[in-house]
Amino acid sequence: MSFHLTQMMSGHGCFNRFLLGINRAPSAGCSHCGPPDGYGEEVDDAHHTLARCEVFREEREHLVGVIGPFDPGGLVPKMLESSANWEAVAQFVRAVISKKEETERG
């Protein structure tokens, strides 16, 4: 388990839903798929980031190409099928969380 995988699995990290709860974000809305310098209507949490946020569509499509279709609730069993799947998920999460961290820093 890496730092970024832990964030994604726990939901405690660069997700506005979590950050709002600790007074580090003004909204739970997604700051990636909302208007420029604003927040979208979709709640930014791990599920949204994994499955729906359009900003990470390319990374998600690559992941699906490696591990096949998945739903966020069934991601761990997919990861445990093979070391290639585990590494593909780890790379996806590392890339996505890194982008989210950059946005949070401004």
PDB file of N, CA and C in Angstrom:
ATOM      1  N   MET A   1       0.842  -1.186   0.000  1.00  0.00           N
ATOM      2  CA  MET A   1       0.000   0.000   0.000  1.00  0.00           C
ATOM      3  C   MET A   1       0.883   1.244   0.000  1.00  0.00           C
ATOM      4  N   SER A   2       0.553   2.148  -0.866  1.00  0.00           N
ATOM      5  CA  SER A   2       1.279   3.415  -0.942  1.00  0.00           C
ATOM      6  C   SER A   2       0.447   4.514  -0.265  1.00  0.00           C
ATOM      7  N   PHE A   3       1.070   5.651  -0.108  1.00  0.00           N
ATOM      8  CA  PHE A   3       0.394   6.815   0.451  1.00  0.00           C
ATOM      9  C   PHE A   3      -0.851   7.157  -0.361  1.00  0.00           C
ATOM     10  N   HIS A   4      -0.707   7.194  -1.692  1.00  0.00           N
ATOM     11  CA  HIS A   4      -1.834   7.556  -2.551  1.00  0.00           C
ATOM     12  C   HIS A   4      -2.926   6.492  -2.554  1.00  0.00           C
ATOM     13  N   LEU A   5      -2.560   5.218  -2.569  1.00  0.00           N
ATOM     14  CA  LEU A   5      -3.573   4.161  -2.491  1.00  0.00           C
ATOM     15  C   LEU A   5      -4.343   4.242  -1.177  1.00  0.00           C
ATOM     16  N   THR A   6      -3.650   4.548  -0.111  1.00  0.00           N
ATOM     17  CA  THR A   6      -4.312   4.686   1.186  1.00  0.00           C
ATOM     18  C   THR A   6      -5.327   5.818   1.158  1.00  0.00           C
ATOM     19  N   GLN A   7      -4.963   6.927   0.527  1.00  0.00           N
ATOM     20  CA  GLN A   7      -5.914   8.037   0.402  1.00  0.00           C
ATOM     21  C   GLN A   7      -7.159   7.614  -0.367  1.00  0.00           C
ATOM     22  N   MET A   8      -6.953   6.925  -1.485  1.00  0.00           N
ATOM     23  CA  MET A   8      -8.093   6.531  -2.315  1.00  0.00           C
ATOM     24  C   MET A   8      -8.977   5.518  -1.587  1.00  0.00           C
ATOM     25  N   MET A   9      -8.370   4.556  -0.922  1.00  0.00           N
ATOM     26  CA  MET A   9      -9.144   3.510  -0.252  1.00  0.00           C
ATOM     27  C   MET A   9      -9.892   4.047   0.970  1.00  0.00           C
ATOM     28  N   SER A  10      -9.294   5.003   1.663  1.00  0.00           N
ATOM     29  CA  SER A  10      -9.913   5.530   2.882  1.00  0.00           C
ATOM     30  C   SER A  10     -10.837   6.714   2.610  1.00  0.00           C
ATOM     31  N   GLY A  11     -10.621   7.385   1.472  1.00  0.00           N
ATOM     32  CA  GLY A  11     -11.387   8.595   1.189  1.00  0.00           C
ATOM     33  C   GLY A  11     -10.861   9.807   1.941  1.00  0.00           C
ATOM     34  N   HIS A  12      -9.752   9.643   2.645  1.00  0.00           N
ATOM     35  CA  HIS A  12      -9.145  10.735   3.406  1.00  0.00           C
ATOM     36  C   HIS A  12      -7.939  11.237   2.640  1.00  0.00           C
ATOM     37  N   GLY A  13      -8.101  12.323   1.966  1.00  0.00           N
ATOM     38  CA  GLY A  13      -7.012  12.858   1.164  1.00  0.00           C
ATOM     39  C   GLY A  13      -7.502  14.057   0.392  1.00  0.00           C
ATOM     40  N   CYS A  14      -7.077  14.175  -0.835  1.00  0.00           N
ATOM     41  CA  CYS A  14      -7.393  15.328  -1.676  1.00  0.00           C
ATOM     42  C   CYS A  14      -8.779  15.204  -2.304  1.00  0.00           C
ATOM     43  N   PHE A  15      -9.766  15.044  -1.471  1.00  0.00           N
ATOM     44  CA  PHE A  15     -11.161  14.976  -1.913  1.00  0.00           C
ATOM     45  C   PHE A  15     -11.906  16.082  -1.174  1.00  0.00           C
ATOM     46  N   ASN A  16     -12.576  16.958  -1.912  1.00  0.00           N
ATOM     47  CA  ASN A  16     -13.209  18.102  -1.269  1.00  0.00           C
ATOM     48  C   ASN A  16     -14.237  17.706  -0.214  1.00  0.00           C
ATOM     49  N   ARG A  17     -14.871  16.567  -0.379  1.00  0.00           N
ATOM     50  CA  ARG A  17     -15.817  16.123   0.653  1.00  0.00           C
ATOM     51  C   ARG A  17     -15.080  15.951   1.997  1.00  0.00           C
ATOM     52  N   PHE A  18     -13.928  15.321   1.952  1.00  0.00           N
ATOM     53  CA  PHE A  18     -13.106  15.143   3.161  1.00  0.00           C
ATOM     54  C   PHE A  18     -12.544  16.479   3.619  1.00  0.00           C
ATOM     55  N   LEU A  19     -11.986  17.264   2.687  1.00  0.00           N
ATOM     56  CA  LEU A  19     -11.346  18.530   3.041  1.00  0.00           C
ATOM     57  C   LEU A  19     -12.338  19.520   3.640  1.00  0.00           C
ATOM     58  N   LEU A  20     -13.578  19.516   3.176  1.00  0.00           N
ATOM     59  CA  LEU A  20     -14.604  20.380   3.746  1.00  0.00           C
ATOM     60  C   LEU A  20     -14.816  20.039   5.216  1.00  0.00           C
ATOM     61  N   GLY A  21     -14.803  18.768   5.539  1.00  0.00           N
ATOM     62  CA  GLY A  21     -15.008  18.321   6.912  1.00  0.00           C
ATOM     63  C   GLY A  21     -13.914  18.750   7.879  1.00  0.00           C
ATOM     64  N   ILE A  22     -12.740  19.057   7.340  1.00  0.00           N
ATOM     65  CA  ILE A  22     -11.641  19.522   8.200  1.00  0.00           C
ATOM     66  C   ILE A  22     -11.305  20.994   7.904  1.00  0.00           C
ATOM     67  N   ASN A  23     -12.285  21.693   7.326  1.00  0.00           N
ATOM     68  CA  ASN A  23     -12.178  23.136   7.046  1.00  0.00           C
ATOM     69  C   ASN A  23     -10.996  23.499   6.151  1.00  0.00           C
ATOM     70  N   ARG A  24     -10.723  22.652   5.146  1.00  0.00           N
ATOM     71  CA  ARG A  24      -9.637  22.950   4.203  1.00  0.00           C
ATOM     72  C   ARG A  24     -10.163  23.185   2.796  1.00  0.00           C
ATOM     73  N   ALA A  25     -11.495  23.123   2.612  1.00  0.00           N
ATOM     74  CA  ALA A  25     -12.117  23.413   1.324  1.00  0.00           C
ATOM     75  C   ALA A  25     -13.449  24.110   1.591  1.00  0.00           C
ATOM     76  N   PRO A  26     -13.827  25.054   0.730  1.00  0.00           N
ATOM     77  CA  PRO A  26     -15.078  25.782   0.949  1.00  0.00           C
ATOM     78  C   PRO A  26     -16.326  25.033   0.473  1.00  0.00           C
ATOM     79  N   SER A  27     -16.126  23.939  -0.256  1.00  0.00           N
ATOM     80  CA  SER A  27     -17.243  23.198  -0.826  1.00  0.00           C
ATOM     81  C   SER A  27     -16.860  21.739  -0.973  1.00  0.00           C
ATOM     82  N   ALA A  28     -17.858  20.855  -0.973  1.00  0.00           N
ATOM     83  CA  ALA A  28     -17.617  19.437  -1.232  1.00  0.00           C
ATOM     84  C   ALA A  28     -17.638  19.144  -2.726  1.00  0.00           C
ATOM     85  N   GLY A  29     -18.008  20.133  -3.543  1.00  0.00           N
ATOM     86  CA  GLY A  29     -18.088  19.945  -4.985  1.00  0.00           C
ATOM     87  C   GLY A  29     -16.727  19.745  -5.622  1.00  0.00           C
ATOM     88  N   CYS A  30     -16.724  19.059  -6.757  1.00  0.00           N
ATOM     89  CA  CYS A  30     -15.480  18.766  -7.453  1.00  0.00           C
ATOM     90  C   CYS A  30     -14.900  20.033  -8.073  1.00  0.00           C
ATOM     91  N   SER A  31     -13.663  20.329  -7.740  1.00  0.00           N
ATOM     92  CA  SER A  31     -12.995  21.504  -8.294  1.00  0.00           C
ATOM     93  C   SER A  31     -12.352  21.202  -9.643  1.00  0.00           C
ATOM     94  N   HIS A  32     -12.441  19.948 -10.102  1.00  0.00           N
ATOM     95  CA  HIS A  32     -11.877  19.577 -11.402  1.00  0.00           C
ATOM     96  C   HIS A  32     -12.917  19.635 -12.510  1.00  0.00           C
ATOM     97  N   CYS A  33     -14.138  19.224 -12.237  1.00  0.00           N
ATOM     98  CA  CYS A  33     -15.131  19.189 -13.309  1.00  0.00           C
ATOM     99  C   CYS A  33     -16.168  20.301 -13.163  1.00  0.00           C
ATOM    100  N   GLY A  34     -15.866  21.266 -12.311  1.00  0.00           N
ATOM    101  CA  GLY A  34     -16.733  22.426 -12.174  1.00  0.00           C
ATOM    102  C   GLY A  34     -16.252  23.539 -13.089  1.00  0.00           C
ATOM    103  N   PRO A  35     -16.857  24.699 -12.950  1.00  0.00           N
ATOM    104  CA  PRO A  35     -16.421  25.847 -13.765  1.00  0.00           C
ATOM    105  C   PRO A  35     -15.022  26.290 -13.335  1.00  0.00           C
ATOM    106  N   PRO A  36     -14.314  27.013 -14.208  1.00  0.00           N
ATOM    107  CA  PRO A  36     -12.989  27.503 -13.817  1.00  0.00           C
ATOM    108  C   PRO A  36     -13.083  28.303 -12.512  1.00  0.00           C
ATOM    109  N   ASP A  37     -12.159  28.058 -11.618  1.00  0.00           N
ATOM    110  CA  ASP A  37     -12.124  28.738 -10.322  1.00  0.00           C
ATOM    111  C   ASP A  37     -13.419  28.550  -9.526  1.00  0.00           C
ATOM    112  N   GLY A  38     -14.071  27.399  -9.723  1.00  0.00           N
ATOM    113  CA  GLY A  38     -15.306  27.126  -9.000  1.00  0.00           C
ATOM    114  C   GLY A  38     -15.412  25.658  -8.650  1.00  0.00           C
ATOM    115  N   TYR A  39     -16.591  25.265  -8.215  1.00  0.00           N
ATOM    116  CA  TYR A  39     -16.825  23.892  -7.796  1.00  0.00           C
ATOM    117  C   TYR A  39     -18.028  23.346  -8.540  1.00  0.00           C
ATOM    118  N   GLY A  40     -17.907  22.095  -8.968  1.00  0.00           N
ATOM    119  CA  GLY A  40     -18.994  21.448  -9.677  1.00  0.00           C
ATOM    120  C   GLY A  40     -20.082  20.972  -8.733  1.00  0.00           C
ATOM    121  N   GLU A  41     -21.158  20.489  -9.313  1.00  0.00           N
ATOM    122  CA  GLU A  41     -22.273  19.986  -8.521  1.00  0.00           C
ATOM    123  C   GLU A  41     -21.996  18.600  -7.961  1.00  0.00           C
ATOM    124  N   GLU A  42     -21.134  17.827  -8.625  1.00  0.00           N
ATOM    125  CA  GLU A  42     -20.804  16.477  -8.157  1.00  0.00           C
ATOM    126  C   GLU A  42     -19.933  16.564  -6.912  1.00  0.00           C
ATOM    127  N   VAL A  43     -20.254  15.776  -5.904  1.00  0.00           N
ATOM    128  CA  VAL A  43     -19.448  15.727  -4.689  1.00  0.00           C
ATOM    129  C   VAL A  43     -18.118  15.057  -5.014  1.00  0.00           C
ATOM    130  N   ASP A  44     -17.045  15.725  -4.644  1.00  0.00           N
ATOM    131  CA  ASP A  44     -15.699  15.208  -4.890  1.00  0.00           C
ATOM    132  C   ASP A  44     -15.308  14.266  -3.761  1.00  0.00           C
ATOM    133  N   ASP A  45     -15.415  12.973  -4.047  1.00  0.00           N
ATOM    134  CA  ASP A  45     -14.974  11.948  -3.104  1.00  0.00           C
ATOM    135  C   ASP A  45     -14.232  10.879  -3.893  1.00  0.00           C
ATOM    136  N   ALA A  46     -13.782   9.840  -3.227  1.00  0.00           N
ATOM    137  CA  ALA A  46     -13.006   8.794  -3.905  1.00  0.00           C
ATOM    138  C   ALA A  46     -13.823   8.125  -5.009  1.00  0.00           C
ATOM    139  N   HIS A  47     -15.093   7.864  -4.758  1.00  0.00           N
ATOM    140  CA  HIS A  47     -15.951   7.216  -5.762  1.00  0.00           C
ATOM    141  C   HIS A  47     -16.061   8.075  -7.013  1.00  0.00           C
ATOM    142  N   HIS A  48     -16.313   9.360  -6.834  1.00  0.00           N
ATOM    143  CA  HIS A  48     -16.407  10.289  -7.971  1.00  0.00           C
ATOM    144  C   HIS A  48     -15.104  10.299  -8.763  1.00  0.00           C
ATOM    145  N   THR A  49     -13.989  10.371  -8.057  1.00  0.00           N
ATOM    146  CA  THR A  49     -12.686  10.416  -8.713  1.00  0.00           C
ATOM    147  C   THR A  49     -12.408   9.142  -9.493  1.00  0.00           C
ATOM    148  N   LEU A  50     -12.691   7.997  -8.887  1.00  0.00           N
ATOM    149  CA  LEU A  50     -12.455   6.712  -9.553  1.00  0.00           C
ATOM    150  C   LEU A  50     -13.373   6.486 -10.752  1.00  0.00           C
ATOM    151  N   ALA A  51     -14.637   6.831 -10.614  1.00  0.00           N
ATOM    152  CA  ALA A  51     -15.626   6.389 -11.595  1.00  0.00           C
ATOM    153  C   ALA A  51     -16.193   7.451 -12.518  1.00  0.00           C
ATOM    154  N   ARG A  52     -16.230   8.717 -12.095  1.00  0.00           N
ATOM    155  CA  ARG A  52     -17.009   9.664 -12.874  1.00  0.00           C
ATOM    156  C   ARG A  52     -16.313  10.948 -13.307  1.00  0.00           C
ATOM    157  N   CYS A  53     -15.326  11.419 -12.590  1.00  0.00           N
ATOM    158  CA  CYS A  53     -14.754  12.726 -12.910  1.00  0.00           C
ATOM    159  C   CYS A  53     -14.181  12.707 -14.325  1.00  0.00           C
ATOM    160  N   GLU A  54     -14.704  13.594 -15.144  1.00  0.00           N
ATOM    161  CA  GLU A  54     -14.316  13.638 -16.564  1.00  0.00           C
ATOM    162  C   GLU A  54     -12.853  14.040 -16.761  1.00  0.00           C
ATOM    163  N   VAL A  55     -12.301  14.765 -15.838  1.00  0.00           N
ATOM    164  CA  VAL A  55     -10.909  15.207 -15.966  1.00  0.00           C
ATOM    165  C   VAL A  55      -9.959  14.012 -16.008  1.00  0.00           C
ATOM    166  N   PHE A  56     -10.346  12.922 -15.347  1.00  0.00           N
ATOM    167  CA  PHE A  56      -9.479  11.748 -15.268  1.00  0.00           C
ATOM    168  C   PHE A  56      -9.942  10.624 -16.193  1.00  0.00           C
ATOM    169  N   ARG A  57     -10.726  10.960 -17.198  1.00  0.00           N
ATOM    170  CA  ARG A  57     -11.265   9.961 -18.126  1.00  0.00           C
ATOM    171  C   ARG A  57     -10.161   9.206 -18.859  1.00  0.00           C
ATOM    172  N   GLU A  58      -9.155   9.904 -19.343  1.00  0.00           N
ATOM    173  CA  GLU A  58      -8.079   9.252 -20.094  1.00  0.00           C
ATOM    174  C   GLU A  58      -7.341   8.240 -19.220  1.00  0.00           C
ATOM    175  N   GLU A  59      -7.017   8.631 -18.003  1.00  0.00           N
ATOM    176  CA  GLU A  59      -6.343   7.715 -17.079  1.00  0.00           C
ATOM    177  C   GLU A  59      -7.237   6.514 -16.757  1.00  0.00           C
ATOM    178  N   ARG A  60      -8.553   6.785 -16.573  1.00  0.00           N
ATOM    179  CA  ARG A  60      -9.503   5.717 -16.269  1.00  0.00           C
ATOM    180  C   ARG A  60      -9.627   4.743 -17.439  1.00  0.00           C
ATOM    181  N   GLU A  61      -9.662   5.265 -18.665  1.00  0.00           N
ATOM    182  CA  GLU A  61      -9.753   4.403 -19.851  1.00  0.00           C
ATOM    183  C   GLU A  61      -8.532   3.507 -19.965  1.00  0.00           C
ATOM    184  N   HIS A  62      -7.366   4.048 -19.658  1.00  0.00           N
ATOM    185  CA  HIS A  62      -6.147   3.229 -19.675  1.00  0.00           C
ATOM    186  C   HIS A  62      -6.249   2.125 -18.632  1.00  0.00           C
ATOM    187  N   LEU A  63      -6.718   2.468 -17.447  1.00  0.00           N
ATOM    188  CA  LEU A  63      -6.877   1.480 -16.379  1.00  0.00           C
ATOM    189  C   LEU A  63      -7.837   0.369 -16.793  1.00  0.00           C
ATOM    190  N   VAL A  64      -8.960   0.742 -17.372  1.00  0.00           N
ATOM    191  CA  VAL A  64      -9.939  -0.254 -17.833  1.00  0.00           C
ATOM    192  C   VAL A  64      -9.327  -1.140 -18.909  1.00  0.00           C
ATOM    193  N   GLY A  65      -8.463  -0.577 -19.736  1.00  0.00           N
ATOM    194  CA  GLY A  65      -7.780  -1.370 -20.756  1.00  0.00           C
ATOM    195  C   GLY A  65      -6.895  -2.457 -20.164  1.00  0.00           C
ATOM    196  N   VAL A  66      -6.404  -2.224 -18.956  1.00  0.00           N
ATOM    197  CA  VAL A  66      -5.529  -3.201 -18.291  1.00  0.00           C
ATOM    198  C   VAL A  66      -6.328  -4.180 -17.429  1.00  0.00           C
ATOM    199  N   ILE A  67      -7.217  -3.646 -16.578  1.00  0.00           N
ATOM    200  CA  ILE A  67      -7.893  -4.522 -15.609  1.00  0.00           C
ATOM    201  C   ILE A  67      -9.308  -4.905 -16.016  1.00  0.00           C
ATOM    202  N   GLY A  68      -9.836  -4.271 -17.062  1.00  0.00           N
ATOM    203  CA  GLY A  68     -11.214  -4.518 -17.465  1.00  0.00           C
ATOM    204  C   GLY A  68     -12.160  -3.599 -16.711  1.00  0.00           C
ATOM    205  N   PRO A  69     -13.444  -3.642 -17.068  1.00  0.00           N
ATOM    206  CA  PRO A  69     -14.421  -2.780 -16.389  1.00  0.00           C
ATOM    207  C   PRO A  69     -14.452  -3.067 -14.892  1.00  0.00           C
ATOM    208  N   PHE A  70     -14.712  -2.033 -14.119  1.00  0.00           N
ATOM    209  CA  PHE A  70     -14.764  -2.183 -12.666  1.00  0.00           C
ATOM    210  C   PHE A  70     -15.737  -1.168 -12.095  1.00  0.00           C
ATOM    211  N   ASP A  71     -16.219  -1.459 -10.912  1.00  0.00           N
ATOM    212  CA  ASP A  71     -16.930  -0.443 -10.150  1.00  0.00           C
ATOM    213  C   ASP A  71     -16.075  -0.184  -8.919  1.00  0.00           C
ATOM    214  N   PRO A  72     -16.119   1.024  -8.384  1.00  0.00           N
ATOM    215  CA  PRO A  72     -15.234   1.346  -7.262  1.00  0.00           C
ATOM    216  C   PRO A  72     -15.344   0.387  -6.086  1.00  0.00           C
ATOM    217  N   GLY A  73     -16.535  -0.116  -5.806  1.00  0.00           N
ATOM    218  CA  GLY A  73     -16.696  -1.054  -4.706  1.00  0.00           C
ATOM    219  C   GLY A  73     -16.027  -2.394  -4.949  1.00  0.00           C
ATOM    220  N   GLY A  74     -15.771  -2.734  -6.195  1.00  0.00           N
ATOM    221  CA  GLY A  74     -15.134  -4.001  -6.538  1.00  0.00           C
ATOM    222  C   GLY A  74     -13.700  -3.860  -6.990  1.00  0.00           C
ATOM    223  N   LEU A  75     -13.090  -2.723  -6.685  1.00  0.00           N
ATOM    224  CA  LEU A  75     -11.729  -2.476  -7.154  1.00  0.00           C
ATOM    225  C   LEU A  75     -10.699  -3.371  -6.465  1.00  0.00           C
ATOM    226  N   VAL A  76     -10.827  -3.585  -5.179  1.00  0.00           N
ATOM    227  CA  VAL A  76      -9.833  -4.400  -4.459  1.00  0.00           C
ATOM    228  C   VAL A  76      -9.781  -5.825  -5.002  1.00  0.00           C
ATOM    229  N   PRO A  77     -10.919  -6.504  -5.218  1.00  0.00           N
ATOM    230  CA  PRO A  77     -10.823  -7.846  -5.818  1.00  0.00           C
ATOM    231  C   PRO A  77     -10.124  -7.835  -7.180  1.00  0.00           C
ATOM    232  N   LYS A  78     -10.373  -6.790  -7.979  1.00  0.00           N
ATOM    233  CA  LYS A  78      -9.677  -6.660  -9.269  1.00  0.00           C
ATOM    234  C   LYS A  78      -8.174  -6.519  -9.064  1.00  0.00           C
ATOM    235  N   MET A  79      -7.789  -5.735  -8.060  1.00  0.00           N
ATOM    236  CA  MET A  79      -6.375  -5.518  -7.771  1.00  0.00           C
ATOM    237  C   MET A  79      -5.694  -6.815  -7.364  1.00  0.00           C
ATOM    238  N   LEU A  80      -6.423  -7.657  -6.645  1.00  0.00           N
ATOM    239  CA  LEU A  80      -5.843  -8.892  -6.118  1.00  0.00           C
ATOM    240  C   LEU A  80      -5.772 -10.014  -7.148  1.00  0.00           C
ATOM    241  N   GLU A  81      -6.359  -9.818  -8.325  1.00  0.00           N
ATOM    242  CA  GLU A  81      -6.310 -10.847  -9.376  1.00  0.00           C
ATOM    243  C   GLU A  81      -4.897 -11.062  -9.906  1.00  0.00           C
ATOM    244  N   SER A  82      -4.103 -10.003  -9.954  1.00  0.00           N
ATOM    245  CA  SER A  82      -2.734 -10.146 -10.485  1.00  0.00           C
ATOM    246  C   SER A  82      -1.878  -8.965 -10.064  1.00  0.00           C
ATOM    247  N   SER A  83      -0.571  -9.161 -10.127  1.00  0.00           N
ATOM    248  CA  SER A  83       0.336  -8.059  -9.802  1.00  0.00           C
ATOM    249  C   SER A  83       0.242  -6.962 -10.863  1.00  0.00           C
ATOM    250  N   ALA A  84      -0.070  -7.331 -12.104  1.00  0.00           N
ATOM    251  CA  ALA A  84      -0.235  -6.329 -13.161  1.00  0.00           C
ATOM    252  C   ALA A  84      -1.438  -5.431 -12.858  1.00  0.00           C
ATOM    253  N   ASN A  85      -2.522  -6.027 -12.377  1.00  0.00           N
ATOM    254  CA  ASN A  85      -3.691  -5.235 -12.008  1.00  0.00           C
ATOM    255  C   ASN A  85      -3.371  -4.304 -10.849  1.00  0.00           C
ATOM    256  N   TRP A  86      -2.686  -4.852  -9.844  1.00  0.00           N
ATOM    257  CA  TRP A  86      -2.322  -4.031  -8.683  1.00  0.00           C
ATOM    258  C   TRP A  86      -1.509  -2.822  -9.138  1.00  0.00           C
ATOM    259  N   GLU A  87      -0.508  -3.066  -9.972  1.00  0.00           N
ATOM    260  CA  GLU A  87       0.359  -1.976 -10.432  1.00  0.00           C
ATOM    261  C   GLU A  87      -0.412  -0.978 -11.295  1.00  0.00           C
ATOM    262  N   ALA A  88      -1.330  -1.450 -12.128  1.00  0.00           N
ATOM    263  CA  ALA A  88      -2.129  -0.545 -12.961  1.00  0.00           C
ATOM    264  C   ALA A  88      -2.983   0.374 -12.092  1.00  0.00           C
ATOM    265  N   VAL A  89      -3.612  -0.179 -11.059  1.00  0.00           N
ATOM    266  CA  VAL A  89      -4.418   0.638 -10.154  1.00  0.00           C
ATOM    267  C   VAL A  89      -3.520   1.612  -9.400  1.00  0.00           C
ATOM    268  N   ALA A  90      -2.380   1.140  -8.923  1.00  0.00           N
ATOM    269  CA  ALA A  90      -1.450   2.010  -8.201  1.00  0.00           C
ATOM    270  C   ALA A  90      -0.994   3.170  -9.083  1.00  0.00           C
ATOM    271  N   GLN A  91      -0.697   2.915 -10.354  1.00  0.00           N
ATOM    272  CA  GLN A  91      -0.277   3.975 -11.273  1.00  0.00           C
ATOM    273  C   GLN A  91      -1.407   4.969 -11.515  1.00  0.00           C
ATOM    274  N   PHE A  92      -2.626   4.452 -11.718  1.00  0.00           N
ATOM    275  CA  PHE A  92      -3.786   5.312 -11.915  1.00  0.00           C
ATOM    276  C   PHE A  92      -3.967   6.228 -10.707  1.00  0.00           C
ATOM    277  N   VAL A  93      -3.965   5.641  -9.528  1.00  0.00           N
ATOM    278  CA  VAL A  93      -4.194   6.408  -8.309  1.00  0.00           C
ATOM    279  C   VAL A  93      -3.080   7.428  -8.099  1.00  0.00           C
ATOM    280  N   ARG A  94      -1.847   7.032  -8.315  1.00  0.00           N
ATOM    281  CA  ARG A  94      -0.717   7.951  -8.157  1.00  0.00           C
ATOM    282  C   ARG A  94      -0.873   9.151  -9.103  1.00  0.00           C
ATOM    283  N   ALA A  95      -1.214   8.910 -10.353  1.00  0.00           N
ATOM    284  CA  ALA A  95      -1.365   9.994 -11.331  1.00  0.00           C
ATOM    285  C   ALA A  95      -2.526  10.918 -10.959  1.00  0.00           C
ATOM    286  N   VAL A  96      -3.642  10.330 -10.602  1.00  0.00           N
ATOM    287  CA  VAL A  96      -4.833  11.124 -10.296  1.00  0.00           C
ATOM    288  C   VAL A  96      -4.658  11.920  -9.002  1.00  0.00           C
ATOM    289  N   ILE A  97      -4.203  11.273  -7.955  1.00  0.00           N
ATOM    290  CA  ILE A  97      -4.034  11.976  -6.678  1.00  0.00           C
ATOM    291  C   ILE A  97      -2.967  13.059  -6.802  1.00  0.00           C
ATOM    292  N   SER A  98      -1.929  12.810  -7.583  1.00  0.00           N
ATOM    293  CA  SER A  98      -0.904  13.837  -7.791  1.00  0.00           C
ATOM    294  C   SER A  98      -1.505  15.074  -8.450  1.00  0.00           C
ATOM    295  N   LYS A  99      -2.371  14.885  -9.437  1.00  0.00           N
ATOM    296  CA  LYS A  99      -3.043  16.018 -10.085  1.00  0.00           C
ATOM    297  C   LYS A  99      -3.940  16.742  -9.097  1.00  0.00           C
ATOM    298  N   LYS A 100      -4.651  15.977  -8.270  1.00  0.00           N
ATOM    299  CA  LYS A 100      -5.532  16.593  -7.277  1.00  0.00           C
ATOM    300  C   LYS A 100      -4.713  17.378  -6.246  1.00  0.00           C
ATOM    301  N   GLU A 101      -3.562  16.864  -5.859  1.00  0.00           N
ATOM    302  CA  GLU A 101      -2.685  17.576  -4.917  1.00  0.00           C
ATOM    303  C   GLU A 101      -2.191  18.894  -5.509  1.00  0.00           C
ATOM    304  N   GLU A 102      -1.833  18.881  -6.789  1.00  0.00           N
ATOM    305  CA  GLU A 102      -1.384  20.095  -7.465  1.00  0.00           C
ATOM    306  C   GLU A 102      -2.484  21.147  -7.457  1.00  0.00           C
ATOM    307  N   THR A 103      -3.711  20.720  -7.723  1.00  0.00           N
ATOM    308  CA  THR A 103      -4.845  21.641  -7.733  1.00  0.00           C
ATOM    309  C   THR A 103      -5.080  22.212  -6.346  1.00  0.00           C
ATOM    310  N   GLU A 104      -4.980  21.360  -5.334  1.00  0.00           N
ATOM    311  CA  GLU A 104      -5.208  21.816  -3.960  1.00  0.00           C
ATOM    312  C   GLU A 104      -4.178  22.872  -3.552  1.00  0.00           C
ATOM    313  N   ARG A 105      -2.938  22.675  -3.983  1.00  0.00           N
ATOM    314  CA  ARG A 105      -1.880  23.632  -3.649  1.00  0.00           C
ATOM    315  C   ARG A 105      -2.070  24.968  -4.349  1.00  0.00           C
ATOM    316  N   GLY A 106      -2.804  24.906  -5.488  1.00  0.00           N
ATOM    317  CA  GLY A 106      -3.103  26.128  -6.234  1.00  0.00           C
ATOM    318  C   GLY A 106      -2.000  26.501  -7.114  1.00  0.00           C
TER     319      GLY A 106
END
